[in-house]
Amino acid sequence: MKKRRNEEKELARRLRHLRHLGCPVDFGAIKEDQDSDLELYQVGALGGAQILETSDGQVCYSFEVQVINQKSTPIYGIGLELHLPWLDGSFAWLPDPRPYRRNPLLYMFPGRGGGSFPRDIVLNHRLASEDAPVLAPHVPYAGFLLALGANLPAGLRHGERVKATLVLVASDRSEYSCEIALVCDRSSRRQERTSTDQALQPPAESHAATRKARE
């Protein structure tokens, strides 16, 4: 029985990986027992789930999730991953501001335009901490997950919806995952490019003077 359960967990892991790569998969043939151990899903309005490209080229990821440990014993996490349709080599969860920041109760994206979030509505220090997070039995944890990255794909359009997969890895190597829907916001870079283009254009008076000189 235990061997069969481990085989189903490994099959589920491989199917999730294939789905992340864009392959159609059917989970109906297996029963993922770990899904009954922990509930992980996205909450909140889609407008609050963003991939925000700032004017200085940084990428701010923010979205809301809820997680509930349905076991009678704690679940110890050892990793939290966001699988995107592209590789973001700079991707990193924002660290807990309490040990490092002047304002220990505020998560802040660095740079211009990234925004800030009160610590009490963010889950990074509960789920993405370097110390193994502990999920107590039957306690719901809900809040934002925040990450910083760089270099969005050039073809990704402003307002485009992106599907990603959030994966929580437990100390027993079980994996719990859910799909995350995000909206790309490139308005800051678009405004910057528009301002730059306008700055490069000569004023209307120059055009008039040029035409008069030619006449």
Protein backbone atom coordinates (compact mmCIF):
# COMPACT_ATOMS: atom_id res chain seq x y z
CA MET A 1 0.00 0.00 0.00
CA LYS A 2 2.77 2.41 0.96
CA LYS A 3 4.70 1.53 -2.20
CA ARG A 4 1.62 2.22 -4.35
CA ARG A 5 1.09 5.57 -2.63
CA ASN A 6 4.70 6.59 -3.28
CA GLU A 7 4.36 5.56 -6.94
CA GLU A 8 1.21 7.71 -7.28
CA LYS A 9 2.98 10.68 -5.69
CA GLU A 10 5.88 10.34 -8.13
CA LEU A 11 3.47 10.02 -11.07
CA ALA A 12 1.61 13.12 -9.89
CA ARG A 13 4.88 15.04 -9.64
CA ARG A 14 5.83 14.09 -13.19
CA LEU A 15 2.39 14.98 -14.52
CA ARG A 16 2.57 18.42 -12.87
CA HIS A 17 5.94 18.95 -14.52
CA LEU A 18 4.53 18.01 -17.93
CA ARG A 19 1.57 20.34 -17.39
CA HIS A 20 3.99 23.13 -16.53
CA LEU A 21 5.75 22.51 -19.85
CA GLY A 22 2.45 22.94 -21.66
CA CYS A 23 1.59 19.29 -22.27
CA PRO A 24 -2.04 18.19 -21.82
CA VAL A 25 -2.27 15.73 -18.92
CA ASP A 26 -5.03 13.73 -17.24
CA PHE A 27 -4.95 13.45 -13.46
CA GLY A 28 -8.06 11.31 -13.40
CA ALA A 29 -6.08 8.07 -13.46
CA ILE A 30 -4.43 8.73 -10.09
CA LYS A 31 -5.50 9.74 -6.63
CA GLU A 32 -3.19 12.33 -5.07
CA ASP A 33 -3.40 11.48 -1.37
CA GLN A 34 -1.27 14.45 -0.44
CA ASP A 35 -4.01 16.79 -1.68
CA SER A 36 -6.11 15.71 1.31
CA ASP A 37 -3.18 16.50 3.62
CA LEU A 38 -2.82 20.15 2.63
CA GLU A 39 -5.05 22.61 0.78
CA LEU A 40 -3.21 25.22 -1.27
CA TYR A 41 -5.06 27.58 -3.57
CA GLN A 42 -5.13 31.12 -4.91
CA VAL A 43 -7.53 33.63 -3.37
CA GLY A 44 -8.37 37.29 -3.95
CA ALA A 45 -9.25 39.21 -7.08
CA LEU A 46 -7.24 38.61 -10.24
CA GLY A 47 -6.45 42.32 -10.37
CA GLY A 48 -4.41 41.90 -7.20
CA ALA A 49 -2.28 39.12 -8.71
CA GLN A 50 0.36 40.93 -10.71
CA ILE A 51 3.61 40.73 -12.55
CA LEU A 52 4.60 44.38 -12.35
CA GLU A 53 7.49 45.68 -14.42
CA THR A 54 8.83 48.86 -12.83
CA SER A 55 10.33 51.84 -14.65
CA ASP A 56 13.85 50.76 -13.62
CA GLY A 57 13.43 47.27 -15.10
CA GLN A 58 12.68 45.21 -12.02
CA VAL A 59 9.83 42.69 -11.95
CA CYS A 60 7.57 42.50 -8.88
CA TYR A 61 5.43 39.39 -8.37
CA SER A 62 2.47 39.60 -5.95
CA PHE A 63 -0.52 37.30 -5.44
CA GLU A 64 -2.70 35.94 -2.62
CA VAL A 65 -2.96 32.32 -1.50
CA GLN A 66 -4.46 30.32 1.33
CA VAL A 67 -2.97 27.16 2.80
CA ILE A 68 -4.49 24.78 5.36
CA ASN A 69 -2.78 21.75 6.86
CA GLN A 70 -5.52 19.12 7.14
CA LYS A 71 -3.31 16.60 8.93
CA SER A 72 -3.37 16.04 12.69
CA THR A 73 0.37 16.75 12.86
CA PRO A 74 2.46 19.73 11.66
CA ILE A 75 3.78 19.89 8.10
CA TYR A 76 7.34 21.15 7.79
CA GLY A 77 8.16 22.92 4.56
CA ILE A 78 11.60 23.01 2.99
CA GLY A 79 10.93 24.86 -0.24
CA LEU A 80 8.51 27.13 -2.08
CA GLU A 81 8.75 27.51 -5.86
CA LEU A 82 6.89 29.46 -8.50
CA HIS A 83 7.15 27.78 -11.90
CA LEU A 84 6.75 30.37 -14.65
CA PRO A 85 6.41 29.84 -18.42
CA TRP A 86 9.90 31.38 -18.74
CA LEU A 87 13.13 31.20 -16.77
CA ASP A 88 13.68 34.15 -14.44
CA GLY A 89 17.19 33.64 -13.11
CA SER A 90 16.80 36.60 -10.77
CA PHE A 91 13.62 35.30 -9.11
CA ALA A 92 13.72 35.45 -5.30
CA TRP A 93 11.10 35.67 -2.57
CA LEU A 94 11.26 38.93 -0.63
CA PRO A 95 12.93 38.35 2.76
CA ASP A 96 11.23 39.02 6.06
CA PRO A 97 11.73 42.74 6.78
CA ARG A 98 11.85 42.26 10.55
CA PRO A 99 15.60 41.49 10.83
CA TYR A 100 16.79 43.79 8.03
CA ARG A 101 14.59 46.84 7.44
CA ARG A 102 14.24 50.16 9.16
CA ASN A 103 10.51 49.48 9.13
CA PRO A 104 10.24 45.86 10.32
CA LEU A 105 6.48 45.73 9.75
CA LEU A 106 6.54 46.56 6.04
CA TYR A 107 7.55 44.47 3.04
CA MET A 108 8.91 46.85 0.40
CA PHE A 109 9.92 46.20 -3.18
CA PRO A 110 13.23 47.95 -3.91
CA GLY A 111 13.50 50.58 -6.62
CA ARG A 112 10.80 52.78 -8.07
CA GLY A 113 7.12 51.93 -8.22
CA GLY A 114 7.16 48.48 -6.65
CA GLY A 115 5.00 49.37 -3.67
CA SER A 116 4.86 48.05 -0.12
CA PHE A 117 2.76 45.60 1.91
CA PRO A 118 2.10 45.40 5.67
CA ARG A 119 3.87 42.39 7.14
CA ASP A 120 0.71 41.03 8.72
CA ILE A 121 -0.91 40.38 5.30
CA VAL A 122 2.16 38.68 3.77
CA LEU A 123 3.03 34.97 3.98
CA ASN A 124 6.68 35.10 2.91
CA HIS A 125 8.00 34.73 6.46
CA ARG A 126 5.62 31.80 7.01
CA LEU A 127 6.04 29.88 3.75
CA ALA A 128 9.22 31.11 2.02
CA SER A 129 11.56 31.56 4.98
CA GLU A 130 15.03 30.00 4.98
CA ASP A 131 14.08 28.46 8.31
CA ALA A 132 11.81 25.48 7.71
CA PRO A 133 8.27 26.86 8.02
CA VAL A 134 5.88 24.94 10.24
CA LEU A 135 2.22 24.65 9.25
CA ALA A 136 0.15 23.86 12.33
CA PRO A 137 -2.75 21.42 11.95
CA HIS A 138 -6.08 22.87 10.80
CA VAL A 139 -4.87 26.48 10.92
CA PRO A 140 -5.65 28.56 7.78
CA TYR A 141 -2.87 30.86 6.61
CA ALA A 142 -3.90 33.47 4.05
CA GLY A 143 -2.03 36.41 2.56
CA PHE A 144 0.24 37.69 -0.18
CA LEU A 145 3.36 36.06 -1.54
CA LEU A 146 5.89 38.58 -2.87
CA ALA A 147 8.90 38.01 -5.09
CA LEU A 148 11.37 40.02 -7.14
CA GLY A 149 12.76 39.16 -10.54
CA ALA A 150 13.95 40.69 -13.82
CA ASN A 151 13.87 40.40 -17.59
CA LEU A 152 10.34 39.66 -18.71
CA PRO A 153 10.04 38.06 -22.15
CA ALA A 154 10.01 40.74 -24.83
CA GLY A 155 6.82 39.34 -26.34
CA LEU A 156 4.84 39.46 -23.11
CA ARG A 157 2.16 42.12 -23.59
CA HIS A 158 0.77 44.59 -21.09
CA GLY A 159 -2.46 43.16 -19.66
CA GLU A 160 -1.67 39.62 -20.76
CA ARG A 161 -2.66 36.82 -18.39
CA VAL A 162 0.01 34.39 -17.27
CA LYS A 163 -0.48 30.95 -15.72
CA ALA A 164 2.14 29.76 -13.24
CA THR A 165 2.36 26.88 -10.75
CA LEU A 166 3.11 27.33 -7.06
CA VAL A 167 4.76 24.31 -5.43
CA LEU A 168 5.32 23.80 -1.71
CA VAL A 169 7.80 21.02 -0.90
CA ALA A 170 7.50 19.37 2.52
CA SER A 171 10.25 17.78 4.57
CA ASP A 172 9.06 14.28 3.58
CA ARG A 173 9.49 15.35 -0.09
CA SER A 174 5.75 15.53 -0.70
CA GLU A 175 4.81 18.29 -3.12
CA TYR A 176 1.66 20.38 -2.93
CA SER A 177 0.80 22.61 -5.86
CA CYS A 178 -1.81 24.92 -7.28
CA GLU A 179 -2.20 27.02 -10.41
CA ILE A 180 -1.62 30.76 -10.06
CA ALA A 181 -3.16 33.27 -12.49
CA LEU A 182 -1.30 36.57 -12.89
CA VAL A 183 -1.79 39.72 -14.97
CA CYS A 184 1.21 41.44 -16.56
CA ASP A 185 1.49 45.17 -15.87
CA ARG A 186 4.06 46.91 -18.10
CA SER A 187 2.47 50.35 -17.89
CA SER A 188 5.47 51.96 -16.18
CA ARG A 189 7.88 50.94 -18.94
CA ARG A 190 5.36 51.95 -21.63
CA GLN A 191 5.03 55.40 -20.08
CA GLU A 192 8.80 55.69 -19.84
CA ARG A 193 9.25 54.79 -23.51
CA THR A 194 6.54 57.30 -24.50
CA SER A 195 8.25 60.04 -22.48
CA THR A 196 11.60 59.18 -24.05
CA ASP A 197 10.17 59.26 -27.57
CA GLN A 198 8.58 62.63 -26.93
CA ALA A 199 11.83 63.98 -25.51
CA LEU A 200 13.70 62.88 -28.64
CA GLN A 201 11.27 64.63 -30.97
CA PRO A 202 12.21 68.22 -31.88
CA PRO A 203 9.64 70.84 -30.87
CA ALA A 204 7.02 71.99 -33.37
CA GLU A 205 8.76 75.40 -33.67
CA SER A 206 11.86 73.67 -34.99
CA HIS A 207 9.85 71.98 -37.74
CA ALA A 208 8.29 75.32 -38.71
CA ALA A 209 11.68 77.08 -38.75
CA THR A 210 13.14 74.29 -40.88
CA ARG A 211 10.33 74.53 -43.42
CA LYS A 212 10.68 78.35 -43.58
CA ALA A 213 14.44 78.13 -44.12
CA ARG A 214 13.92 75.69 -46.97
CA GLU A 215 11.43 78.03 -48.61
